[in-house]
C-alpha atoms as a PDB file:
ATOM      1  CA  MET A   1      23.716   2.996  -6.666  1.00  0.00           C
ATOM      2  CA  GLY A   2      20.570   5.102  -6.488  1.00  0.00           C
ATOM      3  CA  VAL A   3      17.164   4.173  -7.897  1.00  0.00           C
ATOM      4  CA  ASP A   4      14.425   6.792  -8.237  1.00  0.00           C
ATOM      5  CA  LEU A   5      10.936   5.294  -8.577  1.00  0.00           C
ATOM      6  CA  ILE A   6       9.292   8.726  -8.618  1.00  0.00           C
ATOM      7  CA  CYS A   7      11.357  10.489 -11.323  1.00  0.00           C
ATOM      8  CA  GLN A   8       8.757  12.954 -12.617  1.00  0.00           C
ATOM      9  CA  GLU A   9       9.435  15.884 -14.950  1.00  0.00           C
ATOM     10  CA  LYS A  10       6.932  17.979 -13.027  1.00  0.00           C
ATOM     11  CA  GLY A  11       9.173  17.839  -9.934  1.00  0.00           C
ATOM     12  CA  LYS A  12       9.091  16.316  -6.470  1.00  0.00           C
ATOM     13  CA  VAL A  13       6.211  14.034  -5.504  1.00  0.00           C
ATOM     14  CA  CYS A  14       6.159  13.576  -1.742  1.00  0.00           C
ATOM     15  CA  SER A  15       3.950  13.270   1.318  1.00  0.00           C
ATOM     16  CA  PHE A  16       6.080  15.941   3.031  1.00  0.00           C
ATOM     17  CA  ASP A  17       7.394  19.354   2.041  1.00  0.00           C
ATOM     18  CA  CYS A  18      10.293  19.503   4.517  1.00  0.00           C
ATOM     19  CA  VAL A  19      11.796  22.906   5.206  1.00  0.00           C
ATOM     20  CA  TYR A  20      15.315  21.538   4.644  1.00  0.00           C
ATOM     21  CA  CYS A  21      14.777  19.368   1.544  1.00  0.00           C
ATOM     22  CA  SER A  22      17.654  19.683  -0.912  1.00  0.00           C
ATOM     23  CA  LEU A  23      15.202  19.076  -3.777  1.00  0.00           C
ATOM     24  CA  GLY A  24      13.268  22.243  -3.012  1.00  0.00           C
ATOM     25  CA  LYS A  25       9.511  22.635  -2.795  1.00  0.00           C
ATOM     26  CA  THR A  26       7.235  19.635  -3.215  1.00  0.00           C
ATOM     27  CA  THR A  27       5.301  20.079  -6.450  1.00  0.00           C
ATOM     28  CA  GLU A  28       2.807  17.301  -5.681  1.00  0.00           C
ATOM     29  CA  LEU A  29       1.989  16.828  -1.990  1.00  0.00           C
ATOM     30  CA  THR A  30       0.150  13.513  -1.785  1.00  0.00           C
ATOM     31  CA  THR A  31      -0.406  10.282   0.133  1.00  0.00           C
ATOM     32  CA  LYS A  32      -1.742   8.430  -2.914  1.00  0.00           C
ATOM     33  CA  ARG A  33       0.435   5.612  -4.162  1.00  0.00           C
ATOM     34  CA  GLY A  34       0.886   5.042  -7.853  1.00  0.00           C
ATOM     35  CA  VAL A  35       3.265   3.664 -10.453  1.00  0.00           C
ATOM     36  CA  PHE A  36       5.522   6.484 -11.591  1.00  0.00           C
ATOM     37  CA  VAL A  37       8.274   4.408 -13.210  1.00  0.00           C
ATOM     38  CA  PRO A  38       7.295   0.950 -14.501  1.00  0.00           C
ATOM     39  CA  THR A  39       9.146  -1.984 -12.943  1.00  0.00           C
ATOM     40  CA  GLU A  40      10.101  -3.233 -16.419  1.00  0.00           C
ATOM     41  CA  LEU A  41      11.959   0.029 -17.072  1.00  0.00           C
ATOM     42  CA  VAL A  42      13.787  -0.292 -13.744  1.00  0.00           C
ATOM     43  CA  ALA A  43      14.830  -3.852 -14.686  1.00  0.00           C
ATOM     44  CA  ARG A  44      16.067  -2.748 -18.138  1.00  0.00           C
ATOM     45  CA  GLU A  45      18.058   0.172 -16.710  1.00  0.00           C
ATOM     46  CA  LEU A  46      19.623  -1.974 -13.983  1.00  0.00           C
ATOM     47  CA  LYS A  47      20.657  -4.591 -16.547  1.00  0.00           C
ATOM     48  CA  LYS A  48      22.263  -1.827 -18.644  1.00  0.00           C
ATOM     49  CA  VAL A  49      24.456  -0.606 -15.779  1.00  0.00           C
ATOM     50  CA  MET A  50      25.259  -4.045 -14.389  1.00  0.00           C
ATOM     51  CA  GLY A  51      29.005  -4.503 -14.554  1.00  0.00           C
ATOM     52  CA  LYS A  52      29.572  -0.890 -15.663  1.00  0.00           C
ATOM     53  CA  VAL A  53      29.006   0.732 -12.279  1.00  0.00           C
ATOM     54  CA  GLU A  54      30.734  -0.321  -9.085  1.00  0.00           C
ATOM     55  CA  ALA A  55      28.283  -0.445  -6.193  1.00  0.00           C
ATOM     56  CA  ASP A  56      27.966  -2.168  -2.846  1.00  0.00           C
ATOM     57  CA  VAL A  57      24.321  -1.304  -2.155  1.00  0.00           C
ATOM     58  CA  VAL A  58      21.268  -0.186  -4.138  1.00  0.00           C
ATOM     59  CA  THR A  59      19.406   2.697  -2.506  1.00  0.00           C
ATOM     60  CA  PHE A  60      15.824   3.603  -3.351  1.00  0.00           C
ATOM     61  CA  SER A  61      15.329   7.324  -2.763  1.00  0.00           C
ATOM     62  CA  GLY A  62      15.132  10.086  -5.350  1.00  0.00           C
ATOM     63  CA  THR A  63      12.809  12.900  -6.247  1.00  0.00           C
ATOM     64  CA  GLY A  64      10.195  12.272  -3.614  1.00  0.00           C
ATOM     65  CA  GLU A  65       9.000   9.661  -1.154  1.00  0.00           C
ATOM     66  CA  PRO A  66       9.817   6.172  -2.495  1.00  0.00           C
ATOM     67  CA  THR A  67       6.954   4.476  -0.609  1.00  0.00           C
ATOM     68  CA  LEU A  68       4.541   6.435  -2.822  1.00  0.00           C
ATOM     69  CA  ALA A  69       5.650   4.084  -5.605  1.00  0.00           C
ATOM     70  CA  GLN A  70       3.081   1.309  -5.632  1.00  0.00           C
ATOM     71  CA  ASN A  71       5.641  -0.988  -7.276  1.00  0.00           C
ATOM     72  CA  LEU A  72       8.356  -0.461  -4.637  1.00  0.00           C
ATOM     73  CA  GLY A  73       8.233  -4.080  -3.459  1.00  0.00           C
ATOM     74  CA  GLU A  74       8.451  -5.406  -7.031  1.00  0.00           C
ATOM     75  CA  ALA A  75      11.298  -3.025  -7.876  1.00  0.00           C
ATOM     76  CA  ILE A  76      13.257  -4.130  -4.799  1.00  0.00           C
ATOM     77  CA  LYS A  77      12.791  -7.777  -5.817  1.00  0.00           C
ATOM     78  CA  VAL A  78      13.972  -7.020  -9.372  1.00  0.00           C
ATOM     79  CA  ALA A  79      17.010  -5.061  -8.146  1.00  0.00           C
ATOM     80  CA  LYS A  80      18.030  -7.957  -5.899  1.00  0.00           C
ATOM     81  CA  GLU A  81      17.616 -10.450  -8.756  1.00  0.00           C
ATOM     82  CA  VAL A  82      19.476  -8.357 -11.340  1.00  0.00           C
ATOM     83  CA  LEU A  83      22.309  -6.984  -9.204  1.00  0.00           C
ATOM     84  CA  GLY A  84      22.534  -9.338  -6.251  1.00  0.00           C
ATOM     85  CA  LEU A  85      23.313  -6.432  -3.934  1.00  0.00           C
ATOM     86  CA  PRO A  86      21.815  -5.401  -0.588  1.00  0.00           C
ATOM     87  CA  ILE A  87      18.893  -2.984  -0.914  1.00  0.00           C
ATOM     88  CA  SER A  88      18.293   0.102   1.197  1.00  0.00           C
ATOM     89  CA  VAL A  89      15.353   2.503   1.192  1.00  0.00           C
ATOM     90  CA  LEU A  90      15.412   6.093   2.443  1.00  0.00           C
ATOM     91  CA  THR A  91      11.905   6.997   3.595  1.00  0.00           C
ATOM     92  CA  ASN A  92      10.250   9.823   5.483  1.00  0.00           C
ATOM     93  CA  SER A  93       8.241   7.076   7.283  1.00  0.00           C
ATOM     94  CA  SER A  94       4.934   8.836   6.570  1.00  0.00           C
ATOM     95  CA  LEU A  95       3.147   5.794   5.144  1.00  0.00           C
ATOM     96  CA  MET A  96       4.453   3.073   7.469  1.00  0.00           C
ATOM     97  CA  MET A  97       1.052   2.733   9.147  1.00  0.00           C
ATOM     98  CA  ARG A  98      -0.120   1.039   5.939  1.00  0.00           C
ATOM     99  CA  GLU A  99       0.376  -2.710   5.889  1.00  0.00           C
ATOM    100  CA  ASN A 100       1.119  -2.772   2.145  1.00  0.00           C
ATOM    101  CA  VAL A 101       3.886  -0.181   2.604  1.00  0.00           C
ATOM    102  CA  ARG A 102       5.447  -2.149   5.470  1.00  0.00           C
ATOM    103  CA  ARG A 103       5.274  -5.298   3.322  1.00  0.00           C
ATOM    104  CA  ASP A 104       7.061  -3.531   0.444  1.00  0.00           C
ATOM    105  CA  LEU A 105       9.721  -2.066   2.741  1.00  0.00           C
ATOM    106  CA  ALA A 106      10.286  -5.472   4.354  1.00  0.00           C
ATOM    107  CA  ARG A 107      11.816  -6.691   1.072  1.00  0.00           C
ATOM    108  CA  ALA A 108      14.747  -4.337   1.644  1.00  0.00           C
ATOM    109  CA  ASP A 109      17.791  -5.186   3.711  1.00  0.00           C
ATOM    110  CA  ILE A 110      18.172  -1.714   5.211  1.00  0.00           C
ATOM    111  CA  VAL A 111      15.475   0.899   5.825  1.00  0.00           C
ATOM    112  CA  ILE A 112      16.352   4.407   6.949  1.00  0.00           C
ATOM    113  CA  GLY A 113      13.398   6.301   8.378  1.00  0.00           C
ATOM    114  CA  GLN A 114      13.036   9.954   9.293  1.00  0.00           C
ATOM    115  CA  LEU A 115      12.354  11.453  12.718  1.00  0.00           C
ATOM    116  CA  ASP A 116      12.717  15.232  12.842  1.00  0.00           C
ATOM    117  CA  ALA A 117      10.219  16.315  15.469  1.00  0.00           C
ATOM    118  CA  PRO A 118       9.136  15.491  19.025  1.00  0.00           C
ATOM    119  CA  ASN A 119       5.494  16.531  18.624  1.00  0.00           C
ATOM    120  CA  GLU A 120       2.694  17.393  16.181  1.00  0.00           C
ATOM    121  CA  GLU A 121       3.353  21.141  16.223  1.00  0.00           C
ATOM    122  CA  LEU A 122       7.019  20.869  15.245  1.00  0.00           C
ATOM    123  CA  PHE A 123       6.261  18.008  12.865  1.00  0.00           C
ATOM    124  CA  LYS A 124       3.895  20.310  10.942  1.00  0.00           C
ATOM    125  CA  ARG A 125       6.407  23.154  11.027  1.00  0.00           C
ATOM    126  CA  ILE A 126       9.437  21.105   9.871  1.00  0.00           C
ATOM    127  CA  SER A 127       8.049  18.276   7.733  1.00  0.00           C
ATOM    128  CA  ARG A 128       5.006  20.180   6.474  1.00  0.00           C
ATOM    129  CA  PRO A 129       3.111  16.925   5.842  1.00  0.00           C
ATOM    130  CA  HIS A 130       0.086  16.244   3.691  1.00  0.00           C
ATOM    131  CA  GLU A 131      -3.032  17.085   5.731  1.00  0.00           C
ATOM    132  CA  LYS A 132      -3.908  13.365   6.177  1.00  0.00           C
ATOM    133  CA  ILE A 133      -0.631  12.601   7.962  1.00  0.00           C
ATOM    134  CA  VAL A 134      -0.581  12.810  11.760  1.00  0.00           C
ATOM    135  CA  PHE A 135       2.607  12.695  13.847  1.00  0.00           C
ATOM    136  CA  LYS A 136       1.458   9.976  16.275  1.00  0.00           C
ATOM    137  CA  ASP A 137       0.504   7.720  13.340  1.00  0.00           C
ATOM    138  CA  VAL A 138       3.969   8.132  11.805  1.00  0.00           C
ATOM    139  CA  ILE A 139       5.566   7.104  15.106  1.00  0.00           C
ATOM    140  CA  GLU A 140       3.185   4.149  15.514  1.00  0.00           C
ATOM    141  CA  GLY A 141       3.904   3.079  11.928  1.00  0.00           C
ATOM    142  CA  MET A 142       7.635   3.059  12.604  1.00  0.00           C
ATOM    143  CA  LYS A 143       7.102   1.011  15.776  1.00  0.00           C
ATOM    144  CA  LYS A 144       5.006  -1.551  13.885  1.00  0.00           C
ATOM    145  CA  PHE A 145       7.572  -1.712  11.118  1.00  0.00           C
ATOM    146  CA  ARG A 146      10.403  -2.219  13.613  1.00  0.00           C
ATOM    147  CA  GLU A 147       8.514  -5.110  15.240  1.00  0.00           C
ATOM    148  CA  GLU A 148       8.021  -6.863  11.894  1.00  0.00           C
ATOM    149  CA  PHE A 149      11.238  -6.021  10.036  1.00  0.00           C
ATOM    150  CA  LYS A 150      14.109  -8.527  10.107  1.00  0.00           C
ATOM    151  CA  GLY A 151      16.683  -6.226   8.469  1.00  0.00           C
ATOM    152  CA  LYS A 152      18.546  -3.160   9.694  1.00  0.00           C
ATOM    153  CA  PHE A 153      16.300  -0.233  10.608  1.00  0.00           C
ATOM    154  CA  SER A 154      17.925   3.140  11.162  1.00  0.00           C
ATOM    155  CA  LEU A 155      16.528   6.537  11.985  1.00  0.00           C
ATOM    156  CA  GLU A 156      17.865   9.752  10.502  1.00  0.00           C
ATOM    157  CA  VAL A 157      17.328  13.043  12.323  1.00  0.00           C
ATOM    158  CA  MET A 158      17.889  16.350  10.568  1.00  0.00           C
ATOM    159  CA  PHE A 159      18.518  19.128  13.040  1.00  0.00           C
ATOM    160  CA  VAL A 160      17.302  22.549  11.970  1.00  0.00           C
ATOM    161  CA  PRO A 161      16.687  25.739  13.982  1.00  0.00           C
ATOM    162  CA  GLU A 162      13.107  24.626  14.761  1.00  0.00           C
ATOM    163  CA  ASN A 163      14.059  21.351  16.478  1.00  0.00           C
ATOM    164  CA  LYS A 164      17.642  21.740  17.732  1.00  0.00           C
ATOM    165  CA  ALA A 165      16.500  22.444  21.311  1.00  0.00           C
ATOM    166  CA  PHE A 166      14.494  19.185  21.336  1.00  0.00           C
ATOM    167  CA  SER A 167      17.228  16.572  20.913  1.00  0.00           C
ATOM    168  CA  LYS A 168      16.401  14.870  24.228  1.00  0.00           C
ATOM    169  CA  GLU A 169      12.713  14.579  23.341  1.00  0.00           C
ATOM    170  CA  ILE A 170      13.538  13.226  19.869  1.00  0.00           C
ATOM    171  CA  ALA A 171      15.997  10.731  21.406  1.00  0.00           C
ATOM    172  CA  SER A 172      13.306   9.618  23.839  1.00  0.00           C
ATOM    173  CA  ILE A 173      10.891   8.918  20.963  1.00  0.00           C
ATOM    174  CA  ALA A 174      13.649   7.155  19.015  1.00  0.00           C
ATOM    175  CA  ARG A 175      14.198   4.816  21.979  1.00  0.00           C
ATOM    176  CA  THR A 176      10.518   3.781  21.864  1.00  0.00           C
ATOM    177  CA  ILE A 177      10.903   2.899  18.172  1.00  0.00           C
ATOM    178  CA  MET A 178      14.012   0.801  18.929  1.00  0.00           C
ATOM    179  CA  PRO A 179      15.982   1.303  15.701  1.00  0.00           C
ATOM    180  CA  ASP A 180      19.334  -0.399  15.157  1.00  0.00           C
ATOM    181  CA  GLU A 181      20.962   3.022  14.942  1.00  0.00           C
ATOM    182  CA  VAL A 182      20.219   6.722  14.854  1.00  0.00           C
END
């Protein structure tokens, strides 16, 4: 079951504007966290679908980067209480350097981070991040998160023409992060 904490009429709110994103162009490129969908609304909607939808996991993803939702940690707690299911979060990993983001993500059972580049140049070309986001900080944030997180941490790599010749370099970086799977 998917939960979208961004869900904005104006379009995708994200810290990246990835060349391959199935949602299209990012309409609001930002690193600023905020409350886009109130936690109370999430709780009400989850209670409505409880028992009507068969699910084995609740996944926070949606129309942008879920860690931009300032209430991510609260929403994860509510989803666990209401549905009693494992919680996963799909993240581009851009904000993992922030302690409050790592704390929110730590409430999940499964976190799937993104690693699509081996260096700053390709990172900018593929992920097209907000100007405040630096490749080495994203990698360091994932390493810190891995050290602290007790759940399952996976990395997802999207191969596109720009990075397909760099699989060995990406694998080498992934090894330093030490995810449970790639």
